[in-house]
Amino acid sequence: MIDSLELERLKSIPIEQVAEALGLSVYRHKCLCPFHEDRHPSLSFHLGKNTFKCFVCGEHGNTISLVMKVRGLEFIPACCWLAQCFGISISMKNPPRMVGITPRLVRPVPKPVEPEKPDLSRLWPLLRKPSLNALARDFLFRQRRYNEKVVQWLGIGSKDEELLIPYWSMAGELITVQVRYLTSREGRPRFWFPRGSRCQVYGQLVLRFLKPGEPLYIAEGVTDCIALLSMGHKAIAIPSATLLKSGELQDLLDEVQRRLYGDISIPLNLHMFPDRDAPGEELFRQLQDIYPQIIRHGLPQDCKDFSDYYIKLKQ
């Protein structure tokens, strides 16, 4: 047996240092998961809890279980491996011999490459001083009934039949732009992003103004987010569940918790209006797995999403 205090010392070794010692390449608190075929980093490290979790295959645990899973060791040999690797003495009458224990082969995990940045050269001049033409104003203020000050604050602009919706980082940097066609044409998608764009959290600027304990709404899509902001709520949007699998939402909210509370142990006051369909309920369930404190708000039977509900309230 290993003394409980010694076990706590092993569990308190920084989880990312343990991962590096095991041959995993950690980058921005994530790495490619060694437990399944992984092309994008899905194994995330929670520094506050000193744990790991893969949001694709579900593997999770602490420093000891990470060694057990990666090296293929039982509990006691994994503890001895950690102690030997990090110079921690543990008191055991008959410690297992580490020589002769064959580690499980782990695929080489290369360090993730910085993603290609989107080309915003054509769109940036239109967003420095955004303006809205008649087609855009009709869509935003007559059809969708958004608050004009919110639309202006978000920096939304237009060009011909294109609505330009900028994605800003929490620091105020332009990340990418979502372009929405305001007229339909057969064979043409409704939205497009500049080449090199990747899935991002929308509405990050609002996180700079979030106060301790204040409700933060997580919307499913940009239109719901703008509707929530127009109602006076603090809100961000996740366009796809892939953000949960990549861990980018968690990284962003961890940063908010550190700014508000100094660490990530105090939970945020999270809320959501899930869309009234199977994908909406599944997205909420996935969010609830990560943030058990999130509060679910129901929509009326005749509203498919919060945007529908918002328009009905404004009629």
Protein backbone atom coordinates (compact mmCIF):
# COMPACT_ATOMS: atom_id res chain seq x y z
CA MET A 1 0.00 0.00 0.00
CA ILE A 2 1.02 3.59 -0.62
CA ASP A 3 0.48 6.25 2.02
CA SER A 4 -2.46 8.59 1.24
CA LEU A 5 -0.28 11.71 1.51
CA GLU A 6 2.18 10.21 -0.97
CA LEU A 7 -0.69 9.43 -3.32
CA GLU A 8 -1.80 13.04 -3.15
CA ARG A 9 1.74 14.13 -4.05
CA LEU A 10 1.65 11.89 -7.12
CA LYS A 11 -1.77 13.24 -8.11
CA SER A 12 -0.57 16.83 -7.69
CA ILE A 13 2.29 16.52 -10.21
CA PRO A 14 1.33 18.93 -13.03
CA ILE A 15 -0.69 16.83 -15.47
CA GLU A 16 0.88 18.41 -18.55
CA GLN A 17 4.38 17.57 -17.27
CA VAL A 18 3.28 13.96 -16.82
CA ALA A 19 1.92 13.93 -20.38
CA GLU A 20 5.21 15.28 -21.74
CA ALA A 21 7.14 12.65 -19.76
CA LEU A 22 4.96 10.02 -21.42
CA GLY A 23 5.92 11.31 -24.85
CA LEU A 24 2.81 13.34 -25.62
CA SER A 25 3.26 16.75 -27.25
CA VAL A 26 1.16 19.28 -25.35
CA TYR A 27 0.17 22.50 -27.07
CA ARG A 28 -2.21 25.10 -25.59
CA HIS A 29 -3.44 22.60 -22.96
CA LYS A 30 -4.32 19.97 -25.59
CA CYS A 31 -2.70 17.12 -27.48
CA LEU A 32 -3.62 14.45 -29.97
CA CYS A 33 -5.30 11.64 -28.08
CA PRO A 34 -3.19 8.43 -27.95
CA PHE A 35 -6.25 6.28 -27.22
CA HIS A 36 -7.91 6.61 -30.63
CA GLU A 37 -7.09 7.75 -34.17
CA ASP A 38 -6.95 11.51 -33.71
CA ARG A 39 -6.27 14.11 -36.39
CA HIS A 40 -7.14 17.19 -34.34
CA PRO A 41 -6.13 17.59 -30.68
CA SER A 42 -9.05 16.29 -28.62
CA LEU A 43 -7.31 15.35 -25.35
CA SER A 44 -7.66 18.39 -23.05
CA PHE A 45 -5.91 19.12 -19.77
CA HIS A 46 -7.82 20.82 -16.95
CA LEU A 47 -5.10 22.61 -14.99
CA GLY A 48 -7.36 23.60 -12.11
CA LYS A 49 -8.42 20.01 -11.42
CA ASN A 50 -5.11 18.58 -12.72
CA THR A 51 -6.97 16.06 -14.88
CA PHE A 52 -7.29 15.07 -18.53
CA LYS A 53 -10.27 14.24 -20.72
CA CYS A 54 -10.77 13.33 -24.36
CA PHE A 55 -14.00 14.79 -25.68
CA VAL A 56 -14.12 12.25 -28.51
CA CYS A 57 -13.41 8.83 -26.98
CA GLY A 58 -14.24 9.80 -23.38
CA GLU A 59 -10.98 8.67 -21.73
CA HIS A 60 -10.35 10.74 -18.59
CA GLY A 61 -8.59 10.72 -15.24
CA ASN A 62 -5.72 12.07 -13.16
CA THR A 63 -1.94 11.77 -13.36
CA ILE A 64 -1.88 8.16 -12.14
CA SER A 65 -4.59 6.95 -14.49
CA LEU A 66 -2.89 8.73 -17.41
CA VAL A 67 0.26 6.69 -16.74
CA MET A 68 -1.79 3.52 -16.35
CA LYS A 69 -3.59 4.02 -19.67
CA VAL A 70 -0.61 5.16 -21.73
CA ARG A 71 2.01 2.75 -20.33
CA GLY A 72 -0.37 -0.17 -19.83
CA LEU A 73 0.48 -0.51 -16.11
CA GLU A 74 -1.48 -1.53 -13.05
CA PHE A 75 -2.09 1.02 -10.29
CA ILE A 76 0.96 0.33 -8.06
CA PRO A 77 3.49 0.10 -10.92
CA ALA A 78 2.07 3.33 -12.38
CA CYS A 79 2.59 5.08 -9.03
CA CYS A 80 6.16 3.78 -8.90
CA TRP A 81 6.78 4.98 -12.45
CA LEU A 82 5.56 8.47 -11.54
CA ALA A 83 7.61 8.53 -8.33
CA GLN A 84 10.77 7.43 -10.13
CA CYS A 85 10.24 9.85 -13.02
CA PHE A 86 9.66 12.91 -10.81
CA GLY A 87 11.99 12.06 -7.92
CA ILE A 88 9.32 11.44 -5.32
CA SER A 89 10.02 8.89 -2.59
CA ILE A 90 7.23 6.53 -1.64
CA SER A 91 7.34 4.09 1.27
CA MET A 92 6.57 0.49 0.25
CA LYS A 93 7.71 -2.75 1.82
CA ASN A 94 7.93 -4.60 -1.48
CA PRO A 95 7.90 -2.15 -4.39
CA PRO A 96 7.44 -3.80 -7.81
CA ARG A 97 10.45 -4.09 -10.05
CA MET A 98 10.12 -1.68 -12.95
CA VAL A 99 12.64 -3.63 -15.01
CA GLY A 100 10.88 -6.11 -17.25
CA ILE A 101 7.57 -4.27 -17.38
CA THR A 102 6.82 -3.84 -21.05
CA PRO A 103 5.06 -0.55 -21.76
CA ARG A 104 2.23 -0.49 -24.23
CA LEU A 105 3.33 0.96 -27.55
CA VAL A 106 1.95 4.43 -28.10
CA ARG A 107 1.65 6.06 -31.49
CA PRO A 108 4.05 8.98 -32.04
CA VAL A 109 2.12 12.18 -31.35
CA PRO A 110 3.50 15.16 -33.28
CA LYS A 111 3.08 18.72 -32.00
CA PRO A 112 0.04 20.33 -33.65
CA VAL A 113 0.81 22.81 -36.40
CA GLU A 114 -0.55 26.34 -36.18
CA PRO A 115 -3.64 26.51 -38.41
CA GLU A 116 -3.64 28.60 -41.55
CA LYS A 117 -4.97 32.09 -40.92
CA PRO A 118 -7.93 33.24 -43.03
CA ASP A 119 -7.42 35.77 -45.79
CA LEU A 120 -9.45 38.82 -44.71
CA SER A 121 -7.82 41.32 -47.07
CA ARG A 122 -11.00 41.84 -49.13
CA LEU A 123 -13.33 42.09 -46.15
CA TRP A 124 -11.26 44.05 -43.61
CA PRO A 125 -11.66 47.46 -45.37
CA LEU A 126 -15.45 46.95 -45.25
CA LEU A 127 -15.36 46.27 -41.50
CA ARG A 128 -13.12 49.14 -40.41
CA LYS A 129 -16.11 51.47 -40.85
CA PRO A 130 -19.04 49.11 -41.40
CA SER A 131 -22.20 50.33 -43.08
CA LEU A 132 -25.55 48.68 -43.74
CA ASN A 133 -27.38 48.96 -47.04
CA ALA A 134 -31.15 48.79 -47.39
CA LEU A 135 -31.17 45.02 -47.93
CA ALA A 136 -29.17 44.43 -44.74
CA ARG A 137 -31.25 46.85 -42.67
CA ASP A 138 -34.44 45.14 -43.80
CA PHE A 139 -33.10 41.73 -42.75
CA LEU A 140 -31.61 42.86 -39.42
CA PHE A 141 -34.20 45.33 -38.16
CA ARG A 142 -37.51 44.54 -39.90
CA GLN A 143 -37.29 40.76 -40.26
CA ARG A 144 -35.09 39.84 -37.29
CA ARG A 145 -35.92 42.90 -35.13
CA TYR A 146 -32.41 43.12 -33.65
CA ASN A 147 -31.39 46.04 -31.49
CA GLU A 148 -29.58 48.60 -33.68
CA LYS A 149 -27.05 49.48 -30.98
CA VAL A 150 -26.16 45.79 -30.54
CA VAL A 151 -25.66 45.34 -34.30
CA GLN A 152 -23.47 48.44 -34.37
CA TRP A 153 -21.44 47.26 -31.35
CA LEU A 154 -20.86 43.88 -33.01
CA GLY A 155 -19.44 45.64 -36.08
CA ILE A 156 -21.82 43.97 -38.56
CA GLY A 157 -21.64 45.43 -42.08
CA SER A 158 -22.81 44.68 -45.60
CA LYS A 159 -21.76 44.79 -49.23
CA ASP A 160 -24.28 44.35 -52.03
CA GLU A 161 -26.24 41.19 -51.08
CA GLU A 162 -23.70 40.02 -48.48
CA LEU A 163 -24.09 40.49 -44.73
CA LEU A 164 -20.67 40.61 -43.05
CA ILE A 165 -20.61 39.23 -39.50
CA PRO A 166 -17.17 39.64 -37.89
CA TYR A 167 -15.84 37.25 -35.25
CA TRP A 168 -13.78 39.18 -32.70
CA SER A 169 -11.51 37.63 -30.08
CA MET A 170 -11.89 38.58 -26.42
CA ALA A 171 -8.91 40.91 -26.97
CA GLY A 172 -10.69 42.69 -29.82
CA GLU A 173 -8.77 41.12 -32.70
CA LEU A 174 -10.59 40.13 -35.89
CA ILE A 175 -10.51 36.31 -36.14
CA THR A 176 -12.69 35.68 -39.19
CA VAL A 177 -15.86 36.83 -40.91
CA GLN A 178 -19.06 34.94 -41.57
CA VAL A 179 -20.62 36.07 -44.85
CA ARG A 180 -24.36 35.51 -45.23
CA TYR A 181 -26.14 35.95 -48.53
CA LEU A 182 -29.34 37.94 -48.08
CA THR A 183 -30.86 36.64 -51.31
CA SER A 184 -31.25 33.01 -52.32
CA ARG A 185 -29.86 31.47 -55.46
CA GLU A 186 -30.10 27.84 -56.49
CA GLY A 187 -26.94 25.87 -55.71
CA ARG A 188 -25.41 28.63 -53.57
CA PRO A 189 -24.85 28.09 -49.83
CA ARG A 190 -26.43 30.58 -47.44
CA PHE A 191 -23.16 31.14 -45.53
CA TRP A 192 -19.47 31.07 -46.32
CA PHE A 193 -16.21 31.82 -44.49
CA PRO A 194 -12.89 33.03 -45.96
CA ARG A 195 -10.42 30.29 -46.79
CA GLY A 196 -8.34 29.25 -43.78
CA SER A 197 -11.13 29.97 -41.27
CA ARG A 198 -11.95 27.44 -38.59
CA CYS A 199 -14.83 26.98 -36.21
CA GLN A 200 -14.79 29.67 -33.51
CA VAL A 201 -16.86 30.92 -30.58
CA TYR A 202 -18.92 33.92 -31.65
CA GLY A 203 -19.44 36.96 -29.41
CA GLN A 204 -16.19 36.68 -27.45
CA LEU A 205 -16.04 40.46 -26.93
CA VAL A 206 -18.93 40.27 -24.47
CA LEU A 207 -16.82 38.12 -22.14
CA ARG A 208 -14.66 41.15 -21.36
CA PHE A 209 -17.68 42.76 -19.67
CA LEU A 210 -19.00 39.72 -17.79
CA LYS A 211 -19.15 40.29 -14.03
CA PRO A 212 -18.75 37.69 -11.26
CA GLY A 213 -21.95 35.68 -10.87
CA GLU A 214 -23.63 37.31 -13.90
CA PRO A 215 -25.58 34.93 -16.20
CA LEU A 216 -23.86 33.95 -19.44
CA TYR A 217 -26.00 32.38 -22.18
CA ILE A 218 -24.56 29.88 -24.65
CA ALA A 219 -26.45 30.04 -27.95
CA GLU A 220 -26.56 27.55 -30.78
CA GLY A 221 -25.61 29.76 -33.71
CA VAL A 222 -24.97 33.43 -34.42
CA THR A 223 -28.59 34.52 -34.97
CA ASP A 224 -29.69 33.22 -31.56
CA CYS A 225 -26.71 34.97 -29.98
CA ILE A 226 -27.58 38.35 -31.52
CA ALA A 227 -31.19 37.89 -30.39
CA LEU A 228 -30.06 37.17 -26.82
CA LEU A 229 -27.77 40.22 -26.88
CA SER A 230 -30.66 42.31 -28.20
CA MET A 231 -32.69 41.15 -25.19
CA GLY A 232 -29.99 42.52 -22.89
CA HIS A 233 -28.36 39.19 -22.00
CA LYS A 234 -24.62 38.44 -22.06
CA ALA A 235 -24.30 35.68 -24.68
CA ILE A 236 -21.84 33.79 -26.86
CA ALA A 237 -22.53 31.25 -29.61
CA ILE A 238 -21.07 27.89 -30.56
CA PRO A 239 -21.79 27.23 -34.25
CA SER A 240 -20.91 23.54 -33.97
CA ALA A 241 -20.39 20.77 -31.42
CA THR A 242 -16.85 20.37 -32.80
CA LEU A 243 -15.87 23.25 -30.51
CA LEU A 244 -16.68 21.00 -27.55
CA LYS A 245 -14.57 18.18 -28.95
CA SER A 246 -11.61 20.47 -29.64
CA GLY A 247 -11.75 21.99 -26.15
CA GLU A 248 -11.68 25.57 -27.48
CA LEU A 249 -14.84 26.57 -25.63
CA GLN A 250 -13.39 25.19 -22.39
CA ASP A 251 -10.12 27.09 -22.91
CA LEU A 252 -12.03 30.33 -23.49
CA LEU A 253 -14.29 29.92 -20.44
CA ASP A 254 -11.30 28.86 -18.30
CA GLU A 255 -9.69 32.18 -19.23
CA VAL A 256 -12.87 34.01 -18.19
CA GLN A 257 -12.92 32.18 -14.84
CA ARG A 258 -9.29 33.12 -14.17
CA ARG A 259 -10.06 36.75 -14.94
CA LEU A 260 -13.18 36.81 -12.73
CA TYR A 261 -12.12 34.61 -9.83
CA GLY A 262 -8.36 34.04 -10.10
CA ASP A 263 -8.77 30.31 -10.84
CA ILE A 264 -11.14 27.90 -12.57
CA SER A 265 -12.59 26.19 -9.51
CA ILE A 266 -15.56 28.59 -9.18
CA PRO A 267 -18.21 27.69 -11.80
CA LEU A 268 -19.66 30.22 -14.19
CA ASN A 269 -23.38 30.99 -14.15
CA LEU A 270 -24.27 29.36 -17.49
CA HIS A 271 -27.66 29.20 -19.25
CA MET A 272 -28.99 27.86 -22.57
CA PHE A 273 -32.16 27.80 -24.68
CA PRO A 274 -31.63 24.56 -26.66
CA ASP A 275 -33.18 24.42 -30.13
CA ARG A 276 -36.36 22.37 -30.19
CA ASP A 277 -34.87 19.48 -32.17
CA ALA A 278 -32.69 16.44 -31.57
CA PRO A 279 -29.35 18.19 -32.40
CA GLY A 280 -30.24 21.02 -30.00
CA GLU A 281 -30.96 18.62 -27.15
CA GLU A 282 -27.81 16.63 -27.89
CA LEU A 283 -25.70 19.80 -27.85
CA PHE A 284 -27.17 20.76 -24.47
CA ARG A 285 -26.46 17.26 -23.13
CA GLN A 286 -22.83 17.52 -24.24
CA LEU A 287 -22.52 20.95 -22.62
CA GLN A 288 -24.07 19.60 -19.44
CA ASP A 289 -21.46 16.82 -19.33
CA ILE A 290 -18.74 19.49 -19.24
CA TYR A 291 -20.61 22.12 -17.20
CA PRO A 292 -23.12 20.36 -14.88
CA GLN A 293 -24.24 23.73 -13.50
CA ILE A 294 -25.67 24.95 -16.83
CA ILE A 295 -29.38 25.86 -16.58
CA ARG A 296 -31.76 24.74 -19.34
CA HIS A 297 -34.53 27.11 -20.47
CA GLY A 298 -37.43 25.76 -22.51
CA LEU A 299 -38.98 27.36 -25.58
CA PRO A 300 -42.69 27.58 -26.44
CA GLN A 301 -44.08 24.76 -28.60
CA ASP A 302 -44.38 27.01 -31.67
CA CYS A 303 -40.76 28.25 -31.54
CA LYS A 304 -37.99 26.15 -33.05
CA ASP A 305 -35.15 28.27 -31.59
CA PHE A 306 -34.54 31.41 -29.55
CA SER A 307 -34.59 33.61 -32.67
CA ASP A 308 -38.18 32.51 -33.33
CA TYR A 309 -39.07 33.21 -29.71
CA TYR A 310 -37.41 36.65 -29.81
CA ILE A 311 -39.29 37.68 -32.98
CA LYS A 312 -42.61 36.64 -31.42
CA LEU A 313 -41.84 38.67 -28.31
CA LYS A 314 -41.12 41.74 -30.47
CA GLN A 315 -44.32 41.50 -32.52
